[in-house]
Amino acid sequence: MASLNPDLDIALTQLTERLLTQEQTYAQTYVMAKGQLYRTELRLCPVLPHELPDDL
């Protein structure tokens, strides 16, 4: 599973750091994009190094 986009990786890393600073591992909100509302969810799940995909 290769990276989708470096900017997206950076944004998700920053969001992850903010959540973990607040001792949270889950966030849900609503956003609008291209005239459509979306529910967004982020769940942080720890991963061990041997569980990482080979193409990372």
C-alpha atoms as a PDB file:
ATOM      1  CA  MET A   1       0.000   0.000   0.000  1.00  0.00           C
ATOM      2  CA  ALA A   2       1.981   2.948  -1.267  1.00  0.00           C
ATOM      3  CA  SER A   3       1.364   6.505  -0.135  1.00  0.00           C
ATOM      4  CA  LEU A   4      -1.521   8.299  -1.824  1.00  0.00           C
ATOM      5  CA  ASN A   5      -0.005  11.742  -1.687  1.00  0.00           C
ATOM      6  CA  PRO A   6       2.812  13.311   0.344  1.00  0.00           C
ATOM      7  CA  ASP A   7       0.607  16.289   1.328  1.00  0.00           C
ATOM      8  CA  LEU A   8      -2.056  13.896   2.595  1.00  0.00           C
ATOM      9  CA  ASP A   9       0.563  11.965   4.572  1.00  0.00           C
ATOM     10  CA  ILE A  10       1.731  15.191   6.222  1.00  0.00           C
ATOM     11  CA  ALA A  11      -1.820  16.315   7.048  1.00  0.00           C
ATOM     12  CA  LEU A  12      -2.721  12.928   8.544  1.00  0.00           C
ATOM     13  CA  THR A  13       0.516  12.847  10.548  1.00  0.00           C
ATOM     14  CA  GLN A  14      -0.239  16.294  11.977  1.00  0.00           C
ATOM     15  CA  LEU A  15      -3.812  15.272  12.830  1.00  0.00           C
ATOM     16  CA  THR A  16      -2.528  12.081  14.462  1.00  0.00           C
ATOM     17  CA  GLU A  17      -0.078  14.052  16.598  1.00  0.00           C
ATOM     18  CA  ARG A  18      -2.872  16.402  17.714  1.00  0.00           C
ATOM     19  CA  LEU A  19      -5.162  13.529  18.635  1.00  0.00           C
ATOM     20  CA  LEU A  20      -2.475  11.669  20.552  1.00  0.00           C
ATOM     21  CA  THR A  21      -1.515  14.870  22.400  1.00  0.00           C
ATOM     22  CA  GLN A  22      -5.130  14.932  23.626  1.00  0.00           C
ATOM     23  CA  GLU A  23      -4.948  11.189  24.382  1.00  0.00           C
ATOM     24  CA  GLN A  24      -7.554  10.422  21.721  1.00  0.00           C
ATOM     25  CA  THR A  25      -7.479   7.666  19.131  1.00  0.00           C
ATOM     26  CA  TYR A  26     -10.733   8.444  17.301  1.00  0.00           C
ATOM     27  CA  ALA A  27     -12.228  11.512  15.633  1.00  0.00           C
ATOM     28  CA  GLN A  28     -15.438  12.037  13.670  1.00  0.00           C
ATOM     29  CA  THR A  29     -16.690  15.164  11.949  1.00  0.00           C
ATOM     30  CA  TYR A  30     -18.591  16.370   8.889  1.00  0.00           C
ATOM     31  CA  VAL A  31     -16.979  18.169   5.974  1.00  0.00           C
ATOM     32  CA  MET A  32     -18.148  19.568   2.662  1.00  0.00           C
ATOM     33  CA  ALA A  33     -16.213  18.895  -0.520  1.00  0.00           C
ATOM     34  CA  LYS A  34     -17.324  19.571  -4.087  1.00  0.00           C
ATOM     35  CA  GLY A  35     -20.825  20.468  -2.885  1.00  0.00           C
ATOM     36  CA  GLN A  36     -21.349  17.197  -1.007  1.00  0.00           C
ATOM     37  CA  LEU A  37     -21.389  16.591   2.754  1.00  0.00           C
ATOM     38  CA  TYR A  38     -19.287  13.716   4.055  1.00  0.00           C
ATOM     39  CA  ARG A  39     -18.895  12.159   7.463  1.00  0.00           C
ATOM     40  CA  THR A  40     -15.202  11.631   8.109  1.00  0.00           C
ATOM     41  CA  GLU A  41     -13.757   9.260  10.673  1.00  0.00           C
ATOM     42  CA  LEU A  42     -10.213   8.650  11.788  1.00  0.00           C
ATOM     43  CA  ARG A  43      -9.294   5.735  14.014  1.00  0.00           C
ATOM     44  CA  LEU A  44      -5.730   5.280  15.195  1.00  0.00           C
ATOM     45  CA  CYS A  45      -4.630   1.677  15.615  1.00  0.00           C
ATOM     46  CA  PRO A  46      -1.074   0.888  16.696  1.00  0.00           C
ATOM     47  CA  VAL A  47       0.885  -1.248  14.223  1.00  0.00           C
ATOM     48  CA  LEU A  48       3.927  -3.366  14.961  1.00  0.00           C
ATOM     49  CA  PRO A  49       6.858  -3.040  12.531  1.00  0.00           C
ATOM     50  CA  HIS A  50       6.419  -6.590  11.200  1.00  0.00           C
ATOM     51  CA  GLU A  51       2.785  -5.773  10.322  1.00  0.00           C
ATOM     52  CA  LEU A  52       3.735  -3.030   7.879  1.00  0.00           C
ATOM     53  CA  PRO A  53       3.101  -3.670   4.173  1.00  0.00           C
ATOM     54  CA  ASP A  54       6.146  -4.559   2.099  1.00  0.00           C
ATOM     55  CA  ASP A  55       5.709  -1.588  -0.255  1.00  0.00           C
ATOM     56  CA  LEU A  56       5.737   1.049   2.471  1.00  0.00           C
END
